Amino acid sequence: DITERKKAEQALRESQQRLDLTIEGSNVGTCEWNFQTGEVHINQRWAGIMGKTIDDLEPIGSHTLTNSVHPEDLPEIRHILKQLISKELNYFDFEFRQAHKNGSWVWVNTRGKVVEWTEDGKPLRISGTNLDITEKKQAEEALRQNYTQLKAIYNTLPVIIWSLDRNGVFTMSEGKDLGAIGLKPGQVVGLSVFDLYRDDPIILEHTER
């Protein structure tokens, strides 16, 4: 009678199917790295982030994880790996650039942890996910450039420009005329109008009310 075994096999298949659908729906690449043997297993999305297929990356091994990384990002990756090995870090979550098949660089957010250790305390298996965040990074860079351009314009105008949140806290202060009142651009960011003008008669009257 193998009924119980068949039930267990069916439950395992259904569980794996649910996991596969979840991974597919989240659009993340998955990777499992045997740190001791160098054996690496990835899914198609992991390769697809680089514009490739799994076959394009064969033979897949430890080198697959590092050869495509931007040289400027490798030191951070090595540092994080050392922290994982020494158990200073339980979980990794960082961003790096990865080479794309078309010659460009894509930004990737990778997350994961050591999921299995050897009996003598060495990392055995590291599992993680990769998520393509290139569009997010491009949007952040566009905003940064816009802010830089606006700041340059502010500093040519004979005005002072402030920005406050709903609590009256300064979130921006720009303009070349800030020097006329003894301030520098950005100096009051984080302060409230009451901090800056606590001795002002209008502010005092408002506070008393």
C-alpha atoms as a PDB file:
ATOM      1  CA  ASP A   1       0.000   0.000   0.000  1.00  0.00           C
ATOM      2  CA  ILE A   2       1.715   3.212  -1.198  1.00  0.00           C
ATOM      3  CA  THR A   3      -1.283   5.528  -0.797  1.00  0.00           C
ATOM      4  CA  GLU A   4       0.361   7.749   1.837  1.00  0.00           C
ATOM      5  CA  ARG A   5       3.522   8.065  -0.251  1.00  0.00           C
ATOM      6  CA  LYS A   6       1.491   9.076  -3.302  1.00  0.00           C
ATOM      7  CA  LYS A   7      -0.396  11.663  -1.246  1.00  0.00           C
ATOM      8  CA  ALA A   8       2.880  13.099  -0.005  1.00  0.00           C
ATOM      9  CA  GLU A   9       4.263  13.243  -3.552  1.00  0.00           C
ATOM     10  CA  GLN A  10       1.131  15.027  -4.770  1.00  0.00           C
ATOM     11  CA  ALA A  11       1.300  17.520  -1.897  1.00  0.00           C
ATOM     12  CA  LEU A  12       4.949  18.178  -2.733  1.00  0.00           C
ATOM     13  CA  ARG A  13       4.116  18.762  -6.413  1.00  0.00           C
ATOM     14  CA  GLU A  14       1.338  21.186  -5.502  1.00  0.00           C
ATOM     15  CA  SER A  15       3.595  23.037  -3.076  1.00  0.00           C
ATOM     16  CA  GLN A  16       6.319  23.327  -5.741  1.00  0.00           C
ATOM     17  CA  GLN A  17       3.756  24.538  -8.269  1.00  0.00           C
ATOM     18  CA  ARG A  18       2.552  27.262  -5.892  1.00  0.00           C
ATOM     19  CA  LEU A  19       6.159  28.318  -5.264  1.00  0.00           C
ATOM     20  CA  ASP A  20       6.901  28.440  -9.004  1.00  0.00           C
ATOM     21  CA  LEU A  21       3.813  30.575  -9.651  1.00  0.00           C
ATOM     22  CA  THR A  22       4.747  32.948  -6.831  1.00  0.00           C
ATOM     23  CA  ILE A  23       8.278  33.381  -8.199  1.00  0.00           C
ATOM     24  CA  GLU A  24       6.957  33.889 -11.719  1.00  0.00           C
ATOM     25  CA  GLY A  25       4.431  36.442 -10.513  1.00  0.00           C
ATOM     26  CA  SER A  26       7.059  38.423  -8.597  1.00  0.00           C
ATOM     27  CA  ASN A  27       9.336  38.560 -11.678  1.00  0.00           C
ATOM     28  CA  VAL A  28      12.477  37.791  -9.668  1.00  0.00           C
ATOM     29  CA  GLY A  29      15.489  35.727 -10.594  1.00  0.00           C
ATOM     30  CA  THR A  30      16.390  32.975  -8.159  1.00  0.00           C
ATOM     31  CA  CYS A  31      19.799  31.544  -7.390  1.00  0.00           C
ATOM     32  CA  GLU A  32      21.068  28.734  -5.176  1.00  0.00           C
ATOM     33  CA  TRP A  33      24.829  28.542  -4.690  1.00  0.00           C
ATOM     34  CA  ASN A  34      26.639  25.596  -3.113  1.00  0.00           C
ATOM     35  CA  PHE A  35      29.488  27.525  -1.571  1.00  0.00           C
ATOM     36  CA  GLN A  36      31.623  24.438  -1.029  1.00  0.00           C
ATOM     37  CA  THR A  37      31.384  22.878  -4.500  1.00  0.00           C
ATOM     38  CA  GLY A  38      30.780  26.031  -6.552  1.00  0.00           C
ATOM     39  CA  GLU A  39      27.635  24.503  -8.058  1.00  0.00           C
ATOM     40  CA  VAL A  40      25.019  27.133  -8.954  1.00  0.00           C
ATOM     41  CA  HIS A  41      21.357  26.763  -9.934  1.00  0.00           C
ATOM     42  CA  ILE A  42      19.464  29.724 -11.417  1.00  0.00           C
ATOM     43  CA  ASN A  43      16.052  30.181 -13.006  1.00  0.00           C
ATOM     44  CA  GLN A  44      15.372  31.676 -16.419  1.00  0.00           C
ATOM     45  CA  ARG A  45      14.516  35.104 -15.022  1.00  0.00           C
ATOM     46  CA  TRP A  46      17.939  35.374 -13.348  1.00  0.00           C
ATOM     47  CA  ALA A  47      19.547  34.993 -16.782  1.00  0.00           C
ATOM     48  CA  GLY A  48      16.847  37.092 -18.457  1.00  0.00           C
ATOM     49  CA  ILE A  49      17.750  40.172 -16.418  1.00  0.00           C
ATOM     50  CA  MET A  50      21.005  40.159 -18.396  1.00  0.00           C
ATOM     51  CA  GLY A  51      19.176  39.555 -21.678  1.00  0.00           C
ATOM     52  CA  LYS A  52      20.377  35.951 -21.790  1.00  0.00           C
ATOM     53  CA  THR A  53      19.102  32.409 -21.392  1.00  0.00           C
ATOM     54  CA  ILE A  54      20.377  29.739 -19.046  1.00  0.00           C
ATOM     55  CA  ASP A  55      21.990  28.028 -22.040  1.00  0.00           C
ATOM     56  CA  ASP A  56      23.896  31.247 -22.826  1.00  0.00           C
ATOM     57  CA  LEU A  57      25.496  31.103 -19.386  1.00  0.00           C
ATOM     58  CA  GLU A  58      26.565  27.456 -19.457  1.00  0.00           C
ATOM     59  CA  PRO A  59      28.679  26.156 -17.814  1.00  0.00           C
ATOM     60  CA  ILE A  60      27.182  27.804 -14.747  1.00  0.00           C
ATOM     61  CA  GLY A  61      29.298  28.096 -11.600  1.00  0.00           C
ATOM     62  CA  SER A  62      30.637  30.574  -9.050  1.00  0.00           C
ATOM     63  CA  HIS A  63      32.171  32.613 -11.868  1.00  0.00           C
ATOM     64  CA  THR A  64      28.682  33.185 -13.292  1.00  0.00           C
ATOM     65  CA  LEU A  65      27.804  35.220 -10.212  1.00  0.00           C
ATOM     66  CA  THR A  66      30.834  37.509 -10.367  1.00  0.00           C
ATOM     67  CA  ASN A  67      32.009  37.799 -13.974  1.00  0.00           C
ATOM     68  CA  SER A  68      29.068  39.984 -14.977  1.00  0.00           C
ATOM     69  CA  VAL A  69      29.305  42.396 -12.012  1.00  0.00           C
ATOM     70  CA  HIS A  70      30.477  45.972 -12.576  1.00  0.00           C
ATOM     71  CA  PRO A  71      34.103  46.289 -11.372  1.00  0.00           C
ATOM     72  CA  GLU A  72      33.199  49.188  -9.067  1.00  0.00           C
ATOM     73  CA  ASP A  73      30.623  47.030  -7.264  1.00  0.00           C
ATOM     74  CA  LEU A  74      32.807  43.952  -6.728  1.00  0.00           C
ATOM     75  CA  PRO A  75      34.538  45.238  -3.543  1.00  0.00           C
ATOM     76  CA  GLU A  76      31.185  45.665  -1.784  1.00  0.00           C
ATOM     77  CA  ILE A  77      30.061  42.201  -2.859  1.00  0.00           C
ATOM     78  CA  ARG A  78      33.285  40.651  -1.558  1.00  0.00           C
ATOM     79  CA  HIS A  79      32.890  42.540   1.725  1.00  0.00           C
ATOM     80  CA  ILE A  80      29.318  41.299   2.166  1.00  0.00           C
ATOM     81  CA  LEU A  81      30.402  37.755   1.355  1.00  0.00           C
ATOM     82  CA  LYS A  82      33.073  37.912   4.064  1.00  0.00           C
ATOM     83  CA  GLN A  83      30.446  39.115   6.541  1.00  0.00           C
ATOM     84  CA  LEU A  84      28.190  36.181   5.622  1.00  0.00           C
ATOM     85  CA  ILE A  85      31.012  33.682   6.048  1.00  0.00           C
ATOM     86  CA  SER A  86      31.952  35.109   9.459  1.00  0.00           C
ATOM     87  CA  LYS A  87      28.267  35.248  10.473  1.00  0.00           C
ATOM     88  CA  GLU A  88      28.495  39.008  11.047  1.00  0.00           C
ATOM     89  CA  LEU A  89      25.624  39.305   8.589  1.00  0.00           C
ATOM     90  CA  ASN A  90      22.542  37.083   8.598  1.00  0.00           C
ATOM     91  CA  TYR A  91      20.853  38.502   5.542  1.00  0.00           C
ATOM     92  CA  PHE A  92      22.055  40.484   2.529  1.00  0.00           C
ATOM     93  CA  ASP A  93      20.158  43.178   0.647  1.00  0.00           C
ATOM     94  CA  PHE A  94      22.114  45.453  -1.681  1.00  0.00           C
ATOM     95  CA  GLU A  95      22.151  46.932  -5.185  1.00  0.00           C
ATOM     96  CA  PHE A  96      24.753  46.451  -7.905  1.00  0.00           C
ATOM     97  CA  ARG A  97      25.251  46.747 -11.659  1.00  0.00           C
ATOM     98  CA  GLN A  98      25.256  43.732 -13.926  1.00  0.00           C
ATOM     99  CA  ALA A  99      26.374  43.490 -17.553  1.00  0.00           C
ATOM    100  CA  HIS A 100      23.574  43.109 -20.119  1.00  0.00           C
ATOM    101  CA  LYS A 101      23.909  41.227 -23.386  1.00  0.00           C
ATOM    102  CA  ASN A 102      23.388  44.483 -25.336  1.00  0.00           C
ATOM    103  CA  GLY A 103      26.458  46.049 -23.722  1.00  0.00           C
ATOM    104  CA  SER A 104      24.632  48.217 -21.176  1.00  0.00           C
ATOM    105  CA  TRP A 105      24.556  47.916 -17.390  1.00  0.00           C
ATOM    106  CA  VAL A 106      21.386  46.956 -15.543  1.00  0.00           C
ATOM    107  CA  TRP A 107      20.785  47.697 -11.872  1.00  0.00           C
ATOM    108  CA  VAL A 108      19.888  44.706  -9.723  1.00  0.00           C
ATOM    109  CA  ASN A 109      18.625  44.439  -6.162  1.00  0.00           C
ATOM    110  CA  THR A 110      19.791  41.136  -4.665  1.00  0.00           C
ATOM    111  CA  ARG A 111      18.516  39.640  -1.418  1.00  0.00           C
ATOM    112  CA  GLY A 112      19.145  36.382   0.380  1.00  0.00           C
ATOM    113  CA  LYS A 113      20.986  34.518   3.114  1.00  0.00           C
ATOM    114  CA  VAL A 114      22.979  31.416   3.994  1.00  0.00           C
ATOM    115  CA  VAL A 115      20.295  28.745   4.317  1.00  0.00           C
ATOM    116  CA  GLU A 116      22.522  25.809   5.254  1.00  0.00           C
ATOM    117  CA  TRP A 117      25.848  25.400   7.078  1.00  0.00           C
ATOM    118  CA  THR A 118      28.318  22.532   7.270  1.00  0.00           C
ATOM    119  CA  GLU A 119      28.863  20.711  10.548  1.00  0.00           C
ATOM    120  CA  ASP A 120      32.066  22.680  11.135  1.00  0.00           C
ATOM    121  CA  GLY A 121      30.295  26.035  10.690  1.00  0.00           C
ATOM    122  CA  LYS A 122      31.106  26.859   7.079  1.00  0.00           C
ATOM    123  CA  PRO A 123      28.466  28.192   4.645  1.00  0.00           C
ATOM    124  CA  LEU A 124      27.076  25.377   2.508  1.00  0.00           C
ATOM    125  CA  ARG A 125      24.145  26.814   0.557  1.00  0.00           C
ATOM    126  CA  ILE A 126      23.341  30.469  -0.167  1.00  0.00           C
ATOM    127  CA  SER A 127      19.930  31.239  -1.652  1.00  0.00           C
ATOM    128  CA  GLY A 128      18.773  34.570  -2.989  1.00  0.00           C
ATOM    129  CA  THR A 129      16.787  36.544  -5.519  1.00  0.00           C
ATOM    130  CA  ASN A 130      17.621  39.207  -8.098  1.00  0.00           C
ATOM    131  CA  LEU A 131      15.195  41.962  -9.090  1.00  0.00           C
ATOM    132  CA  ASP A 132      15.750  44.321 -12.023  1.00  0.00           C
ATOM    133  CA  ILE A 133      15.540  47.905 -10.655  1.00  0.00           C
ATOM    134  CA  THR A 134      17.049  49.684 -13.675  1.00  0.00           C
ATOM    135  CA  GLU A 135      13.954  51.828 -14.319  1.00  0.00           C
ATOM    136  CA  LYS A 136      13.866  52.911 -10.682  1.00  0.00           C
ATOM    137  CA  LYS A 137      17.553  53.878 -10.798  1.00  0.00           C
ATOM    138  CA  GLN A 138      17.074  55.803 -14.039  1.00  0.00           C
ATOM    139  CA  ALA A 139      14.161  57.710 -12.494  1.00  0.00           C
ATOM    140  CA  GLU A 140      16.262  58.537  -9.417  1.00  0.00           C
ATOM    141  CA  GLU A 141      19.086  59.808 -11.627  1.00  0.00           C
ATOM    142  CA  ALA A 142      16.675  61.932 -13.675  1.00  0.00           C
ATOM    143  CA  LEU A 143      15.314  63.485 -10.462  1.00  0.00           C
ATOM    144  CA  ARG A 144      18.839  64.156  -9.217  1.00  0.00           C
ATOM    145  CA  GLN A 145      19.779  65.885 -12.456  1.00  0.00           C
ATOM    146  CA  ASN A 146      16.583  67.955 -12.404  1.00  0.00           C
ATOM    147  CA  TYR A 147      17.282  69.022  -8.831  1.00  0.00           C
ATOM    148  CA  THR A 148      20.860  69.975  -9.749  1.00  0.00           C
ATOM    149  CA  GLN A 149      19.598  72.089 -12.644  1.00  0.00           C
ATOM    150  CA  LEU A 150      16.920  73.749 -10.519  1.00  0.00           C
ATOM    151  CA  LYS A 151      19.432  74.451  -7.770  1.00  0.00           C
ATOM    152  CA  ALA A 152      21.702  76.169 -10.276  1.00  0.00           C
ATOM    153  CA  ILE A 153      18.779  78.347 -11.369  1.00  0.00           C
ATOM    154  CA  TYR A 154      17.830  79.166  -7.771  1.00  0.00           C
ATOM    155  CA  ASN A 155      21.351  80.347  -7.061  1.00  0.00           C
ATOM    156  CA  THR A 156      21.226  82.864  -9.923  1.00  0.00           C
ATOM    157  CA  LEU A 157      17.966  84.493  -8.782  1.00  0.00           C
ATOM    158  CA  PRO A 158      17.827  87.384  -6.272  1.00  0.00           C
ATOM    159  CA  VAL A 159      15.354  85.461  -4.098  1.00  0.00           C
ATOM    160  CA  ILE A 160      15.215  82.987  -1.257  1.00  0.00           C
ATOM    161  CA  ILE A 161      13.161  79.854  -1.896  1.00  0.00           C
ATOM    162  CA  TRP A 162      11.801  77.802   0.989  1.00  0.00           C
ATOM    163  CA  SER A 163       9.896  74.549   1.142  1.00  0.00           C
ATOM    164  CA  LEU A 164       7.992  73.462   4.265  1.00  0.00           C
ATOM    165  CA  ASP A 165       6.157  70.297   5.178  1.00  0.00           C
ATOM    166  CA  ARG A 166       2.759  70.292   6.877  1.00  0.00           C
ATOM    167  CA  ASN A 167       4.417  70.638  10.299  1.00  0.00           C
ATOM    168  CA  GLY A 168       6.253  73.792   9.323  1.00  0.00           C
ATOM    169  CA  VAL A 169       9.618  72.034   9.019  1.00  0.00           C
ATOM    170  CA  PHE A 170      11.951  73.229   6.279  1.00  0.00           C
ATOM    171  CA  THR A 171      12.620  70.610   3.596  1.00  0.00           C
ATOM    172  CA  MET A 172      14.527  72.979   1.292  1.00  0.00           C
ATOM    173  CA  SER A 173      16.256  76.348   1.415  1.00  0.00           C
ATOM    174  CA  GLU A 174      17.967  77.696  -1.704  1.00  0.00           C
ATOM    175  CA  GLY A 175      18.915  81.012  -3.269  1.00  0.00           C
ATOM    176  CA  LYS A 176      21.966  83.242  -3.379  1.00  0.00           C
ATOM    177  CA  ASP A 177      20.315  85.839  -1.110  1.00  0.00           C
ATOM    178  CA  LEU A 178      20.433  83.442   1.849  1.00  0.00           C
ATOM    179  CA  GLY A 179      23.799  84.985   2.618  1.00  0.00           C
ATOM    180  CA  ALA A 180      22.057  88.305   3.270  1.00  0.00           C
ATOM    181  CA  ILE A 181      20.434  86.812   6.377  1.00  0.00           C
ATOM    182  CA  GLY A 182      23.523  84.883   7.426  1.00  0.00           C
ATOM    183  CA  LEU A 183      22.482  81.447   6.187  1.00  0.00           C
ATOM    184  CA  LYS A 184      23.769  78.914   3.677  1.00  0.00           C
ATOM    185  CA  PRO A 185      21.675  76.803   1.235  1.00  0.00           C
ATOM    186  CA  GLY A 186      20.184  73.844   3.043  1.00  0.00           C
ATOM    187  CA  GLN A 187      21.292  75.080   6.464  1.00  0.00           C
ATOM    188  CA  VAL A 188      17.807  75.199   7.956  1.00  0.00           C
ATOM    189  CA  VAL A 189      16.595  71.878   6.534  1.00  0.00           C
ATOM    190  CA  GLY A 190      15.134  69.887   9.420  1.00  0.00           C
ATOM    191  CA  LEU A 191      14.346  72.975  11.515  1.00  0.00           C
ATOM    192  CA  SER A 192      10.874  74.406  11.921  1.00  0.00           C
ATOM    193  CA  VAL A 193       9.814  77.996  11.309  1.00  0.00           C
ATOM    194  CA  PHE A 194       9.514  78.338  15.087  1.00  0.00           C
ATOM    195  CA  ASP A 195      13.175  77.334  15.494  1.00  0.00           C
ATOM    196  CA  LEU A 196      14.263  79.927  12.964  1.00  0.00           C
ATOM    197  CA  TYR A 197      11.957  82.772  13.924  1.00  0.00           C
ATOM    198  CA  ARG A 198      11.268  82.077  17.591  1.00  0.00           C
ATOM    199  CA  ASP A 199      11.977  85.758  18.454  1.00  0.00           C
ATOM    200  CA  ASP A 200       9.884  87.152  15.608  1.00  0.00           C
ATOM    201  CA  PRO A 201       6.840  89.116  16.947  1.00  0.00           C
ATOM    202  CA  ILE A 202       4.495  87.545  14.377  1.00  0.00           C
ATOM    203  CA  ILE A 203       5.570  84.014  15.292  1.00  0.00           C
ATOM    204  CA  LEU A 204       5.330  84.779  19.009  1.00  0.00           C
ATOM    205  CA  GLU A 205       1.809  86.146  18.566  1.00  0.00           C
ATOM    206  CA  HIS A 206       0.812  83.055  16.574  1.00  0.00           C
ATOM    207  CA  THR A 207       2.297  80.763  19.236  1.00  0.00           C
ATOM    208  CA  GLU A 208       0.441  82.530  22.042  1.00  0.00           C
ATOM    209  CA  ARG A 209      -2.820  82.044  20.179  1.00  0.00           C
END
